[in-house]
Amino acid sequence: MDRIWLKSYPAGVPADVDVNQYPSVVALFEESFAKYRNDKAYVFMDKAITFGDIDRLSRDFAAYLQGLGLKRGDRVAAMMPNVLQYPVTVAAIMRAGFIVVNVNPLYTPRELEHQLNDSGAKAIILLENFAATLQQVIKNTSIRHVILASVGDMLGFPKGAIANLVLRKVKKAVPSFSLPGAVRFNAALAAGKSKAFEKPSIKPDDVAVLQYTGGTTGVSKGAVLLHGTIIANLLASEAWTLPGLKRKPISGQLTFICALPLYHVFAFITCGLLAMRTGGVNVLIPNPRDIPATVKELAKYKFHVMPGVNTLFNALANNPDFAKVDFSQFRIANGGAMSVQEPVARKWLAITGCPIIEGYGLSETSSGIACNPTDSDAFTGTIGLPLPNVEIRLLDDDGNDVPHGQPGEIAIKGPQVMAGYWQRPDETDKVMTPDGFFKSGDVGVMDDKGFVTIVDRKKDMILVSGFNVYPNEVEAVAVQHPGVLEAAVVGVPDKNSGEAVMMFVVKKDQALTREELAAFCVKNLTGYKKPKYIEFRDDLPRTNVGKILRRELRDQAVKEMAVSR
């Protein structure tokens, strides 16, 4: 397919960016540490750290990690929400020559055990709030070194001590745990100061990050993101962002609101690395579900860029105090991870004066590979145009290009695409075409200007507030309950989260209740994966070979929900 989208590019955006500007993410870090040394890099609970601080702290922590006896290429897990230790930790892991394994801190023990075992992580840095989860599974993993952070570690005295006291004793946010041999984060930094740091040679094709995703099935797999892969996505994202930043003069340091979790690839690139590249400061929001607290934080800053998901934009727009925030410098609101709804975009624009620019990406593509022009004021309802260096084809079930204007599976090629799934060549083969295109599982249509619209999903994945939920995984958990004979899981529309999880269950034990099964799911599944609806059935619809017809169940559920309204 010709790159017909190039004619729709904003002025100044190149068809391709030079992905060889940096040999590694570490080279980018070190350039920015020197270039912006005295500028703020991150702010958390009003405490700011500079680029120079991250340079010094991550060097000390890298030396400490190297002193543990880890080998080049070993995996080190980072299990933290948006706190100051996260950027220090990621920079340290990469500078030491190791591979970052991003871990959702809200994982249940079952989910955490799988990811640690699959990645083969030897060490983990985590916030103490989640240490009790690790305690339950650590003996079943290859973890040999545990570094425990606390929220107050980097806030200074007395603020840090007060924050830790409140979280531990008042809010009871740190469940009791026992992890013998664990080292405290600040102790590790102190120990690293006196250790020699050996700077490894890192090349573009070295692995930087394992970003876990369900891929096309329910088994969580690590998308292998190379240093060159991440740099390619970052530089394309920067080129795409510049027209939006230039349309009006900007005053002060470029300021990002980081309300999305940095362990998610969207924020990792669009907040963490883009701010690092441009000398911007990230205002960290640790819990964006606390809308009043988030609005209170936003009110402190004249910010320029805010990536988000539809549910966050909607919740903020419906908060009465949000309209009082100073939006005079607000230039770009990136919408991603789930579809942006037009009523939300319309209300957001009316309040902020800054349109939501919708984009599209996956863990397997190092975040965004398509986006609407950032200098646009119009809501298009599309995912926009392919970014620089990206090729998109729309394929039929046989792998052939569909006629222009017809729906087909979105297939993506470019330096942003992962090297494959970690140690799963069979799964990699399923999603890659012979000529190197990654098959997304999403069905789209491209118009004559190159804008792509998502129209369907080939796979059964459910998208809850921007997070992937795979029916296979939820079903596998449900059938472990002794009262469940079989289960089928589908996604149904939800005004708050885009989609919600609905489970259909055939009982083995007729005494089983919804409440009992729901409690079982809560114990074994992260919050966004747990079923919002549970319906008991005598049997489930099947094909002639016995496969459960999820689509039929979904269609029935959507129809019944429409009638009940």
Protein backbone atom coordinates (compact mmCIF):
# COMPACT_ATOMS: atom_id res chain seq x y z
CA MET A 1 0.00 0.00 0.00
CA ASP A 2 1.27 3.48 -0.86
CA ARG A 3 1.77 5.77 2.12
CA ILE A 4 -1.23 7.87 1.14
CA TRP A 5 -1.36 9.34 4.64
CA LEU A 6 1.79 11.42 4.08
CA LYS A 7 -0.19 14.04 2.11
CA SER A 8 -2.23 14.68 5.27
CA TYR A 9 0.78 15.23 7.55
CA PRO A 10 1.02 18.54 9.41
CA ALA A 11 3.64 20.97 8.09
CA GLY A 12 7.10 20.15 9.35
CA VAL A 13 6.47 16.49 10.25
CA PRO A 14 8.83 14.22 8.28
CA ALA A 15 7.79 10.97 6.64
CA ASP A 16 10.59 9.29 8.57
CA VAL A 17 12.79 10.25 11.51
CA ASP A 18 16.44 9.31 11.93
CA VAL A 19 16.21 6.43 14.38
CA ASN A 20 20.00 6.28 14.67
CA GLN A 21 20.29 9.50 16.68
CA TYR A 22 20.96 7.47 19.83
CA PRO A 23 22.56 4.02 20.19
CA SER A 24 20.43 3.35 23.28
CA VAL A 25 17.89 4.75 25.71
CA VAL A 26 20.80 5.19 28.12
CA ALA A 27 22.52 7.54 25.64
CA LEU A 28 19.32 9.63 25.58
CA PHE A 29 19.23 9.69 29.39
CA GLU A 30 22.85 10.79 29.67
CA GLU A 31 22.46 13.53 27.08
CA SER A 32 19.45 14.96 28.95
CA PHE A 33 21.15 14.62 32.35
CA ALA A 34 23.92 16.88 31.06
CA LYS A 35 21.79 19.23 28.97
CA TYR A 36 19.07 19.93 31.56
CA ARG A 37 21.05 19.18 34.70
CA ASN A 38 19.54 21.85 36.97
CA ASP A 39 15.98 21.69 35.61
CA LYS A 40 13.18 19.86 37.35
CA ALA A 41 12.51 16.38 35.94
CA TYR A 42 9.76 15.00 38.23
CA VAL A 43 7.46 16.41 40.89
CA PHE A 44 5.65 14.22 43.42
CA MET A 45 3.68 15.50 46.39
CA ASP A 46 5.27 18.94 45.78
CA LYS A 47 8.79 17.48 46.00
CA ALA A 48 10.87 18.07 42.85
CA ILE A 49 13.95 16.21 41.67
CA THR A 50 16.17 17.49 38.88
CA PHE A 51 17.72 15.78 35.88
CA GLY A 52 21.00 15.98 37.78
CA ASP A 53 19.41 14.24 40.77
CA ILE A 54 18.26 11.35 38.58
CA ASP A 55 21.74 11.13 37.06
CA ARG A 56 23.40 10.88 40.47
CA LEU A 57 20.83 8.61 42.13
CA SER A 58 20.50 6.23 39.18
CA ARG A 59 24.28 5.95 38.90
CA ASP A 60 24.50 5.00 42.60
CA PHE A 61 21.64 2.54 42.26
CA ALA A 62 23.12 1.05 39.06
CA ALA A 63 26.39 0.45 40.92
CA TYR A 64 24.48 -1.23 43.74
CA LEU A 65 22.63 -3.52 41.31
CA GLN A 66 25.87 -4.45 39.55
CA GLY A 67 27.34 -5.29 42.97
CA LEU A 68 24.66 -7.93 43.54
CA GLY A 69 26.38 -10.19 41.03
CA LEU A 70 23.73 -9.87 38.34
CA LYS A 71 24.93 -10.59 34.82
CA ARG A 72 24.56 -8.44 31.72
CA GLY A 73 21.04 -8.92 30.31
CA ASP A 74 19.50 -10.16 33.56
CA ARG A 75 15.93 -9.06 34.12
CA VAL A 76 15.06 -6.72 36.99
CA ALA A 77 11.41 -6.08 37.86
CA ALA A 78 10.03 -2.64 38.76
CA MET A 79 6.72 -2.85 40.63
CA MET A 80 5.72 0.69 41.55
CA PRO A 81 3.02 3.26 40.86
CA ASN A 82 3.92 6.85 39.95
CA VAL A 83 6.48 7.69 42.65
CA LEU A 84 9.90 9.35 42.35
CA GLN A 85 11.71 6.03 42.74
CA TYR A 86 10.30 4.71 39.46
CA PRO A 87 12.29 6.93 37.02
CA VAL A 88 15.42 6.50 39.14
CA THR A 89 14.97 2.72 39.12
CA VAL A 90 14.36 2.42 35.37
CA ALA A 91 17.37 4.57 34.54
CA ALA A 92 19.51 2.54 36.95
CA ILE A 93 18.47 -0.84 35.56
CA MET A 94 19.24 0.23 31.99
CA ARG A 95 22.50 2.00 32.89
CA ALA A 96 23.68 -1.15 34.67
CA GLY A 97 23.12 -3.19 31.49
CA PHE A 98 20.04 -5.06 32.71
CA ILE A 99 16.50 -5.39 31.31
CA VAL A 100 13.51 -3.61 32.84
CA VAL A 101 10.45 -5.76 33.55
CA ASN A 102 7.51 -3.42 34.11
CA VAL A 103 5.07 -4.91 36.65
CA ASN A 104 1.59 -3.68 37.50
CA PRO A 105 1.71 -3.17 41.30
CA LEU A 106 -1.98 -4.10 41.59
CA TYR A 107 -1.37 -7.64 40.37
CA THR A 108 -2.69 -10.53 42.44
CA PRO A 109 -0.19 -13.14 43.67
CA ARG A 110 -1.13 -15.46 40.80
CA GLU A 111 -0.50 -12.79 38.16
CA LEU A 112 2.75 -11.64 39.76
CA GLU A 113 4.12 -15.17 40.03
CA HIS A 114 3.46 -15.80 36.34
CA GLN A 115 5.22 -12.63 35.21
CA LEU A 116 8.25 -13.10 37.45
CA ASN A 117 8.66 -16.70 36.32
CA ASP A 118 8.08 -15.96 32.66
CA SER A 119 10.64 -13.14 32.65
CA GLY A 120 13.09 -14.98 34.89
CA ALA A 121 13.64 -11.81 36.90
CA LYS A 122 16.45 -12.12 39.46
CA ALA A 123 15.71 -8.91 41.39
CA ILE A 124 12.70 -6.73 42.09
CA ILE A 125 12.27 -3.15 43.27
CA LEU A 126 8.79 -2.57 44.67
CA LEU A 127 6.81 -0.22 46.87
CA GLU A 128 6.28 -1.67 50.33
CA ASN A 129 2.50 -1.28 49.90
CA PHE A 130 2.64 -4.35 47.64
CA ALA A 131 5.24 -6.40 49.52
CA ALA A 132 2.61 -8.73 50.99
CA THR A 133 1.76 -9.86 47.45
CA LEU A 134 5.37 -10.70 46.70
CA GLN A 135 5.72 -12.54 50.01
CA GLN A 136 3.06 -15.05 48.93
CA VAL A 137 4.89 -16.12 45.77
CA ILE A 138 8.59 -15.28 46.08
CA LYS A 139 9.57 -18.83 47.03
CA ASN A 140 8.16 -20.03 43.68
CA THR A 141 10.19 -17.55 41.61
CA SER A 142 13.82 -16.88 40.68
CA ILE A 143 13.86 -13.60 42.64
CA ARG A 144 17.00 -13.45 44.79
CA HIS A 145 17.18 -9.75 45.62
CA VAL A 146 14.37 -7.53 46.93
CA ILE A 147 14.66 -3.74 47.26
CA LEU A 148 11.79 -2.13 49.16
CA ALA A 149 10.76 1.47 48.56
CA SER A 150 8.34 3.52 50.62
CA VAL A 151 6.35 6.54 49.47
CA GLY A 152 8.30 8.92 51.71
CA ASP A 153 11.81 7.77 50.73
CA MET A 154 12.61 10.76 48.51
CA LEU A 155 10.39 13.43 50.06
CA GLY A 156 12.96 14.63 52.62
CA PHE A 157 12.58 15.11 56.37
CA PRO A 158 10.12 15.51 58.03
CA LYS A 159 7.69 15.21 55.10
CA GLY A 160 8.82 11.72 54.12
CA ALA A 161 8.59 10.37 57.65
CA ILE A 162 5.11 11.84 58.09
CA ALA A 163 3.91 10.42 54.76
CA ASN A 164 5.16 6.94 55.69
CA LEU A 165 3.61 7.13 59.16
CA VAL A 166 0.22 8.15 57.77
CA LEU A 167 0.22 5.44 55.11
CA ARG A 168 1.37 2.70 57.47
CA LYS A 169 -0.49 3.54 60.68
CA VAL A 170 -3.45 5.75 59.77
CA LYS A 171 -4.53 4.66 56.29
CA LYS A 172 -3.32 1.07 56.83
CA ALA A 173 -2.10 1.11 53.22
CA VAL A 174 0.88 -1.15 53.92
CA PRO A 175 -0.30 -4.69 54.82
CA SER A 176 2.05 -6.58 57.14
CA PHE A 177 4.68 -8.66 55.34
CA SER A 178 7.83 -10.65 55.90
CA LEU A 179 10.59 -10.58 53.28
CA PRO A 180 13.80 -11.64 55.05
CA GLY A 181 16.89 -10.13 53.48
CA ALA A 182 15.05 -7.32 51.71
CA VAL A 183 17.04 -4.09 51.45
CA ARG A 184 15.51 -0.64 51.78
CA PHE A 185 15.70 1.63 48.73
CA ASN A 186 17.58 4.43 50.50
CA ALA A 187 20.03 1.92 51.99
CA ALA A 188 20.72 0.56 48.49
CA LEU A 189 21.39 4.10 47.22
CA ALA A 190 23.75 4.77 50.12
CA ALA A 191 25.61 1.51 49.52
CA GLY A 192 25.91 2.24 45.80
CA LYS A 193 27.70 5.56 46.45
CA SER A 194 30.87 3.79 47.48
CA LYS A 195 30.77 1.14 44.74
CA ALA A 196 32.45 1.31 41.37
CA PHE A 197 30.08 1.67 38.41
CA GLU A 198 31.06 -0.08 35.19
CA LYS A 199 29.47 1.54 32.18
CA PRO A 200 28.41 -1.18 29.73
CA SER A 201 28.35 -0.75 25.96
CA ILE A 202 24.70 -0.84 24.91
CA LYS A 203 23.61 -1.17 21.30
CA PRO A 204 20.28 -0.52 19.52
CA ASP A 205 19.50 -4.23 19.23
CA ASP A 206 20.01 -4.94 22.95
CA VAL A 207 16.82 -5.62 24.92
CA ALA A 208 15.69 -2.65 27.06
CA VAL A 209 12.23 -3.57 28.38
CA LEU A 210 9.89 -6.54 28.68
CA GLN A 211 6.42 -5.00 28.46
CA TYR A 212 3.83 -7.61 29.42
CA THR A 213 0.62 -7.98 27.48
CA GLY A 214 -1.92 -10.64 26.67
CA GLY A 215 -1.06 -10.39 22.98
CA THR A 216 -3.68 -12.32 21.04
CA THR A 217 -4.37 -14.89 23.75
CA GLY A 218 -4.93 -14.85 27.49
CA VAL A 219 -1.42 -15.96 28.47
CA SER A 220 0.50 -12.85 29.52
CA LYS A 221 3.63 -12.51 27.36
CA GLY A 222 6.54 -10.10 27.41
CA ALA A 223 6.77 -7.88 24.34
CA VAL A 224 10.52 -7.53 23.73
CA LEU A 225 11.30 -3.85 23.25
CA LEU A 226 14.85 -3.14 22.15
CA HIS A 227 16.71 0.09 22.89
CA GLY A 228 16.42 1.00 19.20
CA THR A 229 12.72 0.09 19.17
CA ILE A 230 11.93 2.48 22.02
CA ILE A 231 14.07 5.28 20.58
CA ALA A 232 12.27 4.93 17.22
CA ASN A 233 8.87 5.31 18.86
CA LEU A 234 10.01 8.20 21.02
CA LEU A 235 11.47 10.21 18.13
CA ALA A 236 8.38 9.64 15.97
CA SER A 237 6.17 10.71 18.89
CA GLU A 238 8.25 13.84 19.39
CA ALA A 239 8.02 14.79 15.70
CA TRP A 240 4.25 14.32 15.85
CA THR A 241 3.92 16.37 19.04
CA LEU A 242 5.83 19.46 17.91
CA PRO A 243 3.10 21.04 15.69
CA GLY A 244 0.70 21.05 18.65
CA LEU A 245 3.27 22.62 20.93
CA LYS A 246 4.19 25.29 18.39
CA ARG A 247 0.72 26.55 17.52
CA LYS A 248 0.80 29.00 20.45
CA PRO A 249 3.76 30.38 22.43
CA ILE A 250 4.71 28.38 25.52
CA SER A 251 5.97 29.97 28.72
CA GLY A 252 7.98 28.26 31.41
CA GLN A 253 9.37 24.72 31.43
CA LEU A 254 7.44 22.21 29.33
CA THR A 255 5.17 20.50 31.85
CA PHE A 256 3.57 17.07 31.52
CA ILE A 257 0.75 15.79 33.72
CA CYS A 258 1.54 12.11 34.25
CA ALA A 259 -1.73 10.64 35.49
CA LEU A 260 -1.29 7.36 33.60
CA PRO A 261 0.94 4.76 35.29
CA LEU A 262 4.53 4.88 34.08
CA TYR A 263 4.67 1.07 34.03
CA HIS A 264 2.13 1.24 31.16
CA VAL A 265 3.83 1.69 27.78
CA PHE A 266 1.66 4.72 26.87
CA ALA A 267 2.90 6.85 29.79
CA PHE A 268 6.37 5.28 29.68
CA ILE A 269 6.96 6.79 26.23
CA THR A 270 4.60 9.80 26.10
CA CYS A 271 5.39 11.13 29.58
CA GLY A 272 8.61 9.60 30.86
CA LEU A 273 10.80 9.48 27.78
CA LEU A 274 9.29 12.38 25.82
CA ALA A 275 9.85 14.71 28.78
CA MET A 276 13.37 13.34 29.17
CA ARG A 277 14.11 14.10 25.51
CA THR A 278 12.60 17.61 25.58
CA GLY A 279 13.74 18.71 29.04
CA GLY A 280 10.21 18.68 30.39
CA VAL A 281 9.00 18.10 33.93
CA ASN A 282 6.54 15.34 34.83
CA VAL A 283 3.99 16.02 37.55
CA LEU A 284 3.31 12.54 38.95
CA ILE A 285 -0.27 11.66 39.88
CA PRO A 286 -0.10 8.46 41.98
CA ASN A 287 -3.85 7.74 42.06
CA PRO A 288 -5.86 9.33 39.21
CA ARG A 289 -8.99 7.52 40.40
CA ASP A 290 -9.07 10.07 43.23
CA ILE A 291 -10.52 12.79 41.02
CA PRO A 292 -10.78 15.56 43.68
CA ALA A 293 -7.11 15.04 44.62
CA THR A 294 -6.11 14.97 40.94
CA VAL A 295 -7.94 18.23 40.25
CA LYS A 296 -6.30 19.80 43.30
CA GLU A 297 -2.89 18.80 41.92
CA LEU A 298 -3.67 20.12 38.42
CA ALA A 299 -4.63 23.48 39.91
CA LYS A 300 -1.03 23.99 41.09
CA TYR A 301 0.49 24.10 37.59
CA LYS A 302 0.31 25.73 34.18
CA PHE A 303 0.75 22.51 32.23
CA HIS A 304 1.20 21.87 28.53
CA VAL A 305 0.73 18.15 27.83
CA MET A 306 -1.57 15.56 29.39
CA PRO A 307 -1.96 12.05 28.00
CA GLY A 308 -5.03 10.20 29.25
CA VAL A 309 -7.81 7.72 28.61
CA ASN A 310 -11.47 8.42 27.94
CA THR A 311 -12.55 7.46 31.47
CA LEU A 312 -10.12 9.93 33.04
CA PHE A 313 -11.08 12.75 30.70
CA ASN A 314 -14.76 12.07 31.38
CA ALA A 315 -14.37 11.97 35.17
CA LEU A 316 -12.36 15.20 35.21
CA ALA A 317 -14.78 17.01 32.91
CA ASN A 318 -17.63 16.13 35.24
CA ASN A 319 -15.88 17.42 38.34
CA PRO A 320 -17.18 20.91 39.19
CA ASP A 321 -13.77 22.20 40.31
CA PHE A 322 -12.00 21.11 37.12
CA ALA A 323 -13.25 24.15 35.20
CA LYS A 324 -11.40 26.40 37.70
CA VAL A 325 -8.00 25.03 36.64
CA ASP A 326 -5.73 27.35 34.61
CA PHE A 327 -5.69 25.98 31.05
CA SER A 328 -3.96 28.98 29.49
CA GLN A 329 -0.85 26.93 28.60
CA PHE A 330 -2.59 23.63 27.83
CA ARG A 331 -1.60 22.54 24.30
CA ILE A 332 -1.98 18.77 23.87
CA ALA A 333 -4.34 16.18 25.39
CA ASN A 334 -3.40 12.76 23.99
CA GLY A 335 -6.22 10.23 24.09
CA GLY A 336 -5.23 6.59 23.83
CA ALA A 337 -5.51 3.01 25.16
CA MET A 338 -9.28 3.03 24.53
CA SER A 339 -11.71 4.85 22.22
CA VAL A 340 -12.42 8.48 22.99
CA GLN A 341 -16.16 9.14 22.99
CA GLU A 342 -17.36 12.19 21.08
CA PRO A 343 -19.55 13.62 23.91
CA VAL A 344 -16.53 13.44 26.24
CA ALA A 345 -14.28 15.13 23.67
CA ARG A 346 -16.87 17.86 23.10
CA LYS A 347 -17.28 18.60 26.81
CA TRP A 348 -13.51 18.49 27.39
CA LEU A 349 -12.88 21.02 24.61
CA ALA A 350 -15.59 23.34 25.94
CA ILE A 351 -13.99 23.38 29.40
CA THR A 352 -10.27 23.35 28.59
CA GLY A 353 -10.06 24.87 25.11
CA CYS A 354 -7.65 22.03 24.28
CA PRO A 355 -8.95 19.22 22.03
CA ILE A 356 -8.40 15.54 22.79
CA ILE A 357 -6.12 14.18 20.07
CA GLU A 358 -6.88 10.49 19.74
CA GLY A 359 -4.19 7.98 18.86
CA TYR A 360 -3.59 4.23 18.77
CA GLY A 361 -0.84 1.87 19.82
CA LEU A 362 -0.03 -1.39 21.58
CA SER A 363 2.60 -2.79 23.90
CA GLU A 364 3.89 -4.71 20.89
CA THR A 365 4.53 -1.44 19.03
CA SER A 366 6.18 0.43 21.93
CA SER A 367 3.03 2.57 22.31
CA GLY A 368 1.61 4.87 19.63
CA ILE A 369 1.84 4.15 15.92
CA ALA A 370 -1.07 6.31 14.73
CA CYS A 371 -2.47 9.63 15.89
CA ASN A 372 -4.56 12.57 14.77
CA PRO A 373 -2.58 15.75 13.98
CA THR A 374 -1.72 17.52 17.22
CA ASP A 375 -2.43 20.97 15.72
CA SER A 376 -6.05 20.03 14.98
CA ASP A 377 -9.11 21.30 16.82
CA ALA A 378 -11.52 18.81 15.30
CA PHE A 379 -12.62 15.51 16.82
CA THR A 380 -12.46 12.99 13.96
CA GLY A 381 -13.59 9.76 15.62
CA THR A 382 -10.59 8.10 13.97
CA ILE A 383 -7.24 6.96 15.37
CA GLY A 384 -5.58 9.36 12.93
CA LEU A 385 -2.65 8.83 10.58
CA PRO A 386 0.29 6.42 10.79
CA LEU A 387 3.26 8.11 12.49
CA PRO A 388 6.69 8.62 10.88
CA ASN A 389 8.50 5.39 9.94
CA VAL A 390 5.24 3.41 10.27
CA GLU A 391 3.65 1.37 7.51
CA ILE A 392 0.08 0.12 7.88
CA ARG A 393 -1.67 -2.47 5.75
CA LEU A 394 -5.23 -3.75 6.10
CA LEU A 395 -5.43 -7.52 5.59
CA ASP A 396 -8.16 -10.08 4.99
CA ASP A 397 -8.27 -13.47 6.72
CA ASP A 398 -5.87 -14.90 4.13
CA GLY A 399 -3.28 -12.18 4.67
CA ASN A 400 -4.04 -10.29 1.47
CA ASP A 401 -4.53 -6.52 1.24
CA VAL A 402 -8.21 -5.54 1.20
CA PRO A 403 -9.50 -3.08 -1.43
CA HIS A 404 -9.17 0.55 -0.38
CA GLY A 405 -12.02 1.68 1.85
CA GLN A 406 -12.83 -1.87 2.96
CA PRO A 407 -12.31 -3.20 6.52
CA GLY A 408 -9.26 -5.32 7.23
CA GLU A 409 -7.01 -6.32 10.10
CA ILE A 410 -4.55 -3.55 10.93
CA ALA A 411 -1.02 -4.81 10.32
CA ILE A 412 1.94 -2.64 11.32
CA LYS A 413 5.56 -2.51 10.24
CA GLY A 414 8.32 -0.20 11.39
CA PRO A 415 11.25 0.12 13.79
CA GLN A 416 8.72 0.67 16.61
CA VAL A 417 7.49 -2.93 16.41
CA MET A 418 8.71 -5.40 19.07
CA ALA A 419 11.39 -7.99 18.38
CA GLY A 420 8.89 -10.69 19.40
CA TYR A 421 7.42 -12.22 22.56
CA TRP A 422 9.95 -13.16 25.22
CA GLN A 423 11.01 -16.79 24.71
CA ARG A 424 7.80 -17.60 22.79
CA PRO A 425 8.72 -17.94 19.11
CA ASP A 426 5.51 -19.87 18.41
CA GLU A 427 3.38 -17.00 19.70
CA THR A 428 5.52 -14.50 17.79
CA ASP A 429 4.96 -16.44 14.56
CA LYS A 430 1.20 -16.23 15.04
CA VAL A 431 1.19 -12.43 14.98
CA MET A 432 3.90 -11.66 12.41
CA THR A 433 3.52 -11.90 8.65
CA PRO A 434 6.39 -13.33 6.56
CA ASP A 435 7.30 -9.79 5.44
CA GLY A 436 7.51 -8.41 8.98
CA PHE A 437 4.10 -6.87 9.68
CA PHE A 438 2.62 -7.25 13.16
CA LYS A 439 -1.06 -8.27 13.06
CA SER A 440 -2.84 -6.20 15.69
CA GLY A 441 -6.12 -8.11 15.90
CA ASP A 442 -8.00 -4.83 15.39
CA VAL A 443 -10.07 -4.28 12.25
CA GLY A 444 -9.92 -0.86 10.64
CA VAL A 445 -10.84 1.12 7.54
CA MET A 446 -8.59 3.73 5.93
CA ASP A 447 -10.10 6.68 4.07
CA ASP A 448 -8.58 8.39 1.02
CA LYS A 449 -6.66 10.84 3.25
CA GLY A 450 -5.01 8.05 5.22
CA PHE A 451 -7.06 8.36 8.43
CA VAL A 452 -7.84 5.01 10.04
CA THR A 453 -11.04 4.14 11.90
CA ILE A 454 -11.30 1.10 14.19
CA VAL A 455 -14.48 -0.81 13.35
CA ASP A 456 -14.12 -4.16 15.10
CA ARG A 457 -11.78 -6.51 16.89
CA LYS A 458 -10.80 -9.90 15.54
CA LYS A 459 -9.64 -11.16 18.89
CA ASP A 460 -11.85 -11.48 21.95
CA MET A 461 -9.86 -8.99 24.00
CA ILE A 462 -11.87 -6.67 26.25
CA LEU A 463 -10.69 -3.08 26.75
CA VAL A 464 -11.47 -1.79 30.27
CA SER A 465 -10.36 1.81 30.83
CA GLY A 466 -7.43 1.26 28.50
CA PHE A 467 -6.27 -2.04 30.01
CA ASN A 468 -6.43 -5.32 28.10
CA VAL A 469 -8.54 -8.11 29.60
CA TYR A 470 -8.35 -11.52 27.94
CA PRO A 471 -11.36 -13.84 28.31
CA ASN A 472 -9.14 -16.95 28.43
CA GLU A 473 -7.42 -15.73 31.57
CA VAL A 474 -10.62 -14.77 33.41
CA GLU A 475 -12.29 -18.04 32.39
CA ALA A 476 -9.27 -20.03 33.58
CA VAL A 477 -9.56 -18.40 36.99
CA ALA A 478 -13.34 -18.96 37.22
CA VAL A 479 -13.19 -22.68 36.49
CA GLN A 480 -10.73 -23.16 39.35
CA HIS A 481 -13.68 -22.54 41.68
CA PRO A 482 -15.06 -25.95 42.69
CA GLY A 483 -18.63 -24.77 42.08
CA VAL A 484 -18.02 -23.83 38.40
CA LEU A 485 -18.41 -26.33 35.59
CA GLU A 486 -17.53 -23.96 32.75
CA ALA A 487 -17.38 -20.24 32.07
CA ALA A 488 -17.37 -17.85 29.12
CA VAL A 489 -16.31 -14.22 29.32
CA VAL A 490 -17.19 -11.34 26.98
CA GLY A 491 -16.95 -7.58 26.93
CA VAL A 492 -20.10 -5.45 27.00
CA PRO A 493 -20.40 -1.67 26.53
CA ASP A 494 -19.95 0.44 29.65
CA LYS A 495 -20.40 4.21 29.80
CA ASN A 496 -17.63 4.64 32.35
CA SER A 497 -14.91 2.22 31.29
CA GLY A 498 -15.68 1.73 27.59
CA GLU A 499 -16.23 -1.96 28.11
CA ALA A 500 -16.96 -4.11 31.16
CA VAL A 501 -16.31 -7.79 31.81
CA MET A 502 -19.36 -10.08 31.77
CA MET A 503 -19.12 -13.74 32.74
CA PHE A 504 -21.54 -16.54 31.87
CA VAL A 505 -21.26 -19.55 34.15
CA VAL A 506 -22.63 -23.09 34.17
CA LYS A 507 -22.67 -24.33 37.77
CA LYS A 508 -21.27 -27.57 39.04
CA ASP A 509 -22.60 -26.80 42.51
CA GLN A 510 -26.11 -25.34 42.45
CA ALA A 511 -25.51 -23.63 45.79
CA LEU A 512 -22.91 -21.32 44.21
CA THR A 513 -23.87 -17.64 44.45
CA ARG A 514 -22.80 -14.61 42.43
CA GLU A 515 -21.33 -13.06 45.56
CA GLU A 516 -19.20 -16.12 46.29
CA LEU A 517 -17.88 -16.32 42.74
CA ALA A 518 -17.26 -12.57 42.58
CA ALA A 519 -15.21 -12.75 45.80
CA PHE A 520 -13.16 -15.61 44.31
CA CYS A 521 -12.43 -13.51 41.22
CA VAL A 522 -11.42 -10.50 43.31
CA LYS A 523 -8.86 -12.68 45.09
CA ASN A 524 -7.30 -13.91 41.85
CA LEU A 525 -7.68 -11.07 39.37
CA THR A 526 -6.54 -7.45 39.24
CA GLY A 527 -9.45 -5.04 39.71
CA TYR A 528 -9.97 -4.16 36.05
CA LYS A 529 -10.15 -7.86 35.10
CA LYS A 530 -12.84 -8.91 37.56
CA PRO A 531 -16.36 -9.46 36.13
CA LYS A 532 -18.78 -6.59 36.58
CA TYR A 533 -21.65 -8.89 35.64
CA ILE A 534 -22.07 -12.62 36.39
CA GLU A 535 -24.91 -14.56 34.81
CA PHE A 536 -25.69 -18.24 35.45
CA ARG A 537 -26.81 -20.40 32.53
CA ASP A 538 -27.87 -24.02 32.14
CA ASP A 539 -25.62 -24.31 29.09
CA LEU A 540 -23.55 -22.18 26.70
CA PRO A 541 -23.93 -21.82 22.91
CA ARG A 542 -21.37 -23.77 20.87
CA THR A 543 -20.17 -24.44 17.37
CA ASN A 544 -20.58 -27.90 15.88
CA VAL A 545 -17.11 -28.79 17.13
CA GLY A 546 -17.93 -27.65 20.66
CA LYS A 547 -16.27 -24.21 20.76
CA ILE A 548 -18.17 -21.72 22.91
CA LEU A 549 -19.64 -18.89 20.85
CA ARG A 550 -18.53 -15.83 22.77
CA ARG A 551 -19.80 -13.49 20.07
CA GLU A 552 -23.33 -14.91 20.36
CA LEU A 553 -23.26 -14.45 24.12
CA ARG A 554 -22.06 -10.88 23.71
CA ASP A 555 -24.71 -10.02 21.14
CA GLN A 556 -27.44 -11.44 23.41
CA ALA A 557 -26.13 -9.50 26.39
CA VAL A 558 -25.91 -6.21 24.49
CA LYS A 559 -29.45 -6.65 23.18
CA GLU A 560 -30.83 -7.43 26.65
CA MET A 561 -29.01 -4.46 28.16
CA ALA A 562 -30.45 -2.16 25.49
CA VAL A 563 -33.99 -3.40 26.23
CA SER A 564 -33.57 -3.00 29.98
CA ARG A 565 -32.63 0.64 29.51
